[in-house]
Amino acid sequence: MGRGRQKAKHTKVARELKYSVHETNYDALARELSGGSSSYPATPPATEEPADDILSKWSEYLDDDDADEDDDTSGYEQKRA
């Protein structure tokens, strides 16, 4: 229960979008689809930190026991066929 009001709001918005008249800027649409210049600035490339910088940044949170977890198989016995 309780979905009636939410559904009514969605129905209202859907009807407004369906039946309202929107002005379409065809020049902007053509520019966007053709890959022409836009009024929005280009997104700068993401900068990545080298792995050593990341490790040194978070190494203070690493316990001595955590370093051995990858190689540690204690408590787990592998069955060999």
N, C-alpha and C. Protein backbone atom coordinates (compact mmCIF):
# COMPACT_ATOMS: atom_id res chain seq x y z
N MET A 1 0.84 -1.18 0.00
CA MET A 1 0.00 0.00 0.00
C MET A 1 0.89 1.25 0.00
N GLY A 2 0.25 2.39 -0.23
CA GLY A 2 1.01 3.63 -0.22
C GLY A 2 1.61 3.99 -1.56
N ARG A 3 1.39 3.15 -2.56
CA ARG A 3 1.96 3.42 -3.87
C ARG A 3 1.02 4.28 -4.71
N GLY A 4 -0.21 4.47 -4.31
CA GLY A 4 -1.19 5.21 -5.10
C GLY A 4 -0.78 6.64 -5.39
N ARG A 5 -0.30 7.34 -4.38
CA ARG A 5 0.09 8.74 -4.57
C ARG A 5 1.32 8.83 -5.48
N GLN A 6 2.28 7.95 -5.29
CA GLN A 6 3.48 7.93 -6.12
C GLN A 6 3.11 7.63 -7.58
N LYS A 7 2.24 6.66 -7.78
CA LYS A 7 1.83 6.30 -9.14
C LYS A 7 1.07 7.46 -9.79
N ALA A 8 0.25 8.14 -9.02
CA ALA A 8 -0.50 9.28 -9.56
C ALA A 8 0.44 10.40 -10.00
N LYS A 9 1.49 10.64 -9.21
CA LYS A 9 2.46 11.67 -9.59
C LYS A 9 3.19 11.29 -10.86
N HIS A 10 3.59 10.02 -10.99
CA HIS A 10 4.28 9.57 -12.19
C HIS A 10 3.37 9.67 -13.41
N THR A 11 2.10 9.33 -13.23
CA THR A 11 1.14 9.43 -14.33
C THR A 11 0.97 10.87 -14.76
N LYS A 12 0.91 11.78 -13.80
CA LYS A 12 0.76 13.20 -14.10
C LYS A 12 1.96 13.71 -14.90
N VAL A 13 3.16 13.36 -14.45
CA VAL A 13 4.37 13.80 -15.14
C VAL A 13 4.43 13.20 -16.54
N ALA A 14 4.07 11.94 -16.67
CA ALA A 14 4.09 11.28 -17.98
C ALA A 14 3.13 11.96 -18.94
N ARG A 15 1.95 12.30 -18.45
CA ARG A 15 0.98 12.99 -19.31
C ARG A 15 1.48 14.36 -19.73
N GLU A 16 2.09 15.08 -18.79
CA GLU A 16 2.63 16.41 -19.13
C GLU A 16 3.71 16.29 -20.20
N LEU A 17 4.58 15.31 -20.07
CA LEU A 17 5.63 15.12 -21.06
C LEU A 17 5.07 14.69 -22.42
N LYS A 18 4.05 13.86 -22.39
CA LYS A 18 3.49 13.32 -23.63
C LYS A 18 2.72 14.38 -24.40
N TYR A 19 1.92 15.18 -23.71
CA TYR A 19 1.00 16.08 -24.40
C TYR A 19 1.46 17.53 -24.47
N SER A 20 2.52 17.90 -23.78
CA SER A 20 2.97 19.28 -23.86
C SER A 20 3.80 19.48 -25.13
N VAL A 21 3.82 20.70 -25.60
CA VAL A 21 4.55 21.02 -26.83
C VAL A 21 5.91 21.58 -26.43
N HIS A 22 6.95 20.95 -26.94
CA HIS A 22 8.30 21.38 -26.65
C HIS A 22 8.89 21.96 -27.93
N GLU A 23 9.63 23.04 -27.78
CA GLU A 23 10.34 23.58 -28.92
C GLU A 23 11.66 22.84 -29.04
N THR A 24 11.94 22.33 -30.20
CA THR A 24 13.17 21.58 -30.42
C THR A 24 14.16 22.46 -31.16
N ASN A 25 15.35 22.53 -30.65
CA ASN A 25 16.42 23.28 -31.29
C ASN A 25 17.14 22.32 -32.24
N TYR A 26 16.71 22.31 -33.48
CA TYR A 26 17.26 21.36 -34.45
C TYR A 26 18.72 21.66 -34.79
N ASP A 27 19.12 22.93 -34.73
CA ASP A 27 20.52 23.25 -34.99
C ASP A 27 21.43 22.63 -33.93
N ALA A 28 21.03 22.76 -32.67
CA ALA A 28 21.83 22.18 -31.59
C ALA A 28 21.83 20.66 -31.67
N LEU A 29 20.70 20.08 -32.06
CA LEU A 29 20.61 18.62 -32.20
C LEU A 29 21.52 18.14 -33.32
N ALA A 30 21.51 18.83 -34.46
CA ALA A 30 22.37 18.45 -35.57
C ALA A 30 23.85 18.59 -35.20
N ARG A 31 24.17 19.65 -34.46
CA ARG A 31 25.55 19.86 -34.03
C ARG A 31 26.00 18.74 -33.09
N GLU A 32 25.10 18.34 -32.19
CA GLU A 32 25.44 17.28 -31.24
C GLU A 32 25.61 15.94 -31.95
N LEU A 33 24.72 15.65 -32.87
CA LEU A 33 24.80 14.36 -33.56
C LEU A 33 25.96 14.29 -34.54
N SER A 34 26.35 15.42 -35.11
CA SER A 34 27.45 15.40 -36.07
C SER A 34 28.81 15.46 -35.39
N GLY A 35 28.82 15.72 -34.10
CA GLY A 35 30.08 15.78 -33.38
C GLY A 35 30.77 17.13 -33.54
N GLY A 36 30.03 18.13 -33.94
CA GLY A 36 30.58 19.47 -34.10
C GLY A 36 30.89 20.09 -32.76
N SER A 37 31.37 21.32 -32.80
CA SER A 37 31.73 22.00 -31.56
C SER A 37 30.47 22.28 -30.75
N SER A 38 30.60 22.17 -29.46
CA SER A 38 29.46 22.43 -28.59
C SER A 38 29.79 23.58 -27.66
N SER A 39 28.77 24.06 -27.00
CA SER A 39 28.99 25.17 -26.08
C SER A 39 29.51 24.68 -24.73
N TYR A 40 29.56 23.36 -24.54
CA TYR A 40 30.05 22.79 -23.29
C TYR A 40 31.55 22.53 -23.40
N PRO A 41 32.30 22.81 -22.34
CA PRO A 41 33.74 22.55 -22.39
C PRO A 41 34.01 21.04 -22.38
N ALA A 42 35.10 20.66 -23.00
CA ALA A 42 35.48 19.25 -23.02
C ALA A 42 35.88 18.80 -21.62
N THR A 43 35.60 17.56 -21.31
CA THR A 43 35.94 17.00 -20.01
C THR A 43 37.44 16.75 -19.97
N PRO A 44 38.13 17.26 -18.96
CA PRO A 44 39.57 17.02 -18.88
C PRO A 44 39.85 15.55 -18.58
N PRO A 45 40.96 15.03 -19.07
CA PRO A 45 41.28 13.62 -18.80
C PRO A 45 41.54 13.41 -17.31
N ALA A 46 41.16 12.24 -16.84
CA ALA A 46 41.37 11.91 -15.43
C ALA A 46 42.85 11.68 -15.18
N THR A 47 43.32 12.19 -14.06
CA THR A 47 44.71 11.97 -13.71
C THR A 47 44.79 10.74 -12.81
N GLU A 48 45.74 9.90 -13.11
CA GLU A 48 45.92 8.68 -12.32
C GLU A 48 47.20 8.80 -11.51
N GLU A 49 47.11 8.42 -10.26
CA GLU A 49 48.29 8.42 -9.42
C GLU A 49 49.07 7.13 -9.66
N PRO A 50 50.38 7.20 -9.65
CA PRO A 50 51.16 5.97 -9.77
C PRO A 50 50.86 5.04 -8.60
N ALA A 51 51.02 3.75 -8.83
CA ALA A 51 50.68 2.75 -7.82
C ALA A 51 51.47 2.95 -6.53
N ASP A 52 52.73 3.38 -6.65
CA ASP A 52 53.55 3.58 -5.45
C ASP A 52 52.98 4.69 -4.57
N ASP A 53 52.47 5.76 -5.19
CA ASP A 53 51.89 6.86 -4.42
C ASP A 53 50.64 6.41 -3.69
N ILE A 54 49.84 5.59 -4.35
CA ILE A 54 48.61 5.11 -3.73
C ILE A 54 48.94 4.19 -2.56
N LEU A 55 49.91 3.29 -2.76
CA LEU A 55 50.30 2.37 -1.69
C LEU A 55 50.87 3.12 -0.49
N SER A 56 51.71 4.11 -0.74
CA SER A 56 52.29 4.84 0.37
C SER A 56 51.24 5.67 1.09
N LYS A 57 50.25 6.13 0.34
CA LYS A 57 49.19 6.94 0.93
C LYS A 57 48.35 6.13 1.92
N TRP A 58 48.10 4.85 1.60
CA TRP A 58 47.23 4.02 2.43
C TRP A 58 47.99 2.98 3.26
N SER A 59 49.31 2.98 3.21
CA SER A 59 50.08 1.96 3.91
C SER A 59 49.94 2.05 5.43
N GLU A 60 49.65 3.22 5.94
CA GLU A 60 49.51 3.35 7.40
C GLU A 60 48.31 2.57 7.92
N TYR A 61 47.35 2.27 7.06
CA TYR A 61 46.17 1.52 7.47
C TYR A 61 46.34 0.01 7.30
N LEU A 62 47.44 -0.40 6.72
CA LEU A 62 47.71 -1.81 6.45
C LEU A 62 48.37 -2.45 7.68
N ASP A 63 47.77 -3.52 8.16
CA ASP A 63 48.37 -4.26 9.27
C ASP A 63 49.45 -5.17 8.72
N ASP A 64 50.36 -5.60 9.60
CA ASP A 64 51.41 -6.51 9.17
C ASP A 64 50.81 -7.85 8.74
N ASP A 65 49.74 -8.27 9.38
CA ASP A 65 49.10 -9.53 9.05
C ASP A 65 48.42 -9.48 7.69
N ASP A 66 47.95 -8.30 7.28
CA ASP A 66 47.23 -8.16 6.02
C ASP A 66 48.12 -8.43 4.82
N ALA A 67 49.39 -8.18 4.93
CA ALA A 67 50.30 -8.36 3.80
C ALA A 67 50.43 -9.83 3.43
N ASP A 68 50.26 -10.73 4.41
CA ASP A 68 50.43 -12.15 4.16
C ASP A 68 49.14 -12.86 3.77
N GLU A 69 48.02 -12.17 3.76
CA GLU A 69 46.74 -12.83 3.52
C GLU A 69 46.64 -13.44 2.14
N ASP A 70 47.26 -12.83 1.14
CA ASP A 70 47.15 -13.36 -0.21
C ASP A 70 47.81 -14.72 -0.35
N ASP A 71 48.92 -14.92 0.34
CA ASP A 71 49.66 -16.16 0.23
C ASP A 71 49.25 -17.17 1.29
N ASP A 72 48.52 -16.76 2.28
CA ASP A 72 48.18 -17.62 3.42
C ASP A 72 47.04 -18.56 3.06
N THR A 73 47.25 -19.85 3.24
CA THR A 73 46.19 -20.83 3.00
C THR A 73 45.88 -21.59 4.27
N SER A 74 46.27 -21.05 5.43
CA SER A 74 46.01 -21.75 6.68
C SER A 74 44.51 -21.79 6.92
N GLY A 75 44.04 -22.91 7.43
CA GLY A 75 42.61 -23.07 7.68
C GLY A 75 41.88 -23.57 6.45
N TYR A 76 42.58 -23.71 5.36
CA TYR A 76 41.97 -24.17 4.12
C TYR A 76 42.88 -25.24 3.52
N GLU A 77 42.34 -26.39 3.39
CA GLU A 77 43.13 -27.47 2.81
C GLU A 77 42.65 -27.74 1.41
N GLN A 78 43.60 -27.76 0.50
CA GLN A 78 43.24 -28.04 -0.89
C GLN A 78 43.21 -29.54 -1.10
N LYS A 79 42.21 -30.00 -1.78
CA LYS A 79 42.12 -31.42 -2.13
C LYS A 79 42.72 -31.59 -3.51
N ARG A 80 43.62 -32.50 -3.59
CA ARG A 80 44.25 -32.76 -4.89
C ARG A 80 43.72 -34.08 -5.44
N ALA A 81 43.36 -34.04 -6.68
CA ALA A 81 42.77 -35.23 -7.30
C ALA A 81 43.83 -36.13 -7.87
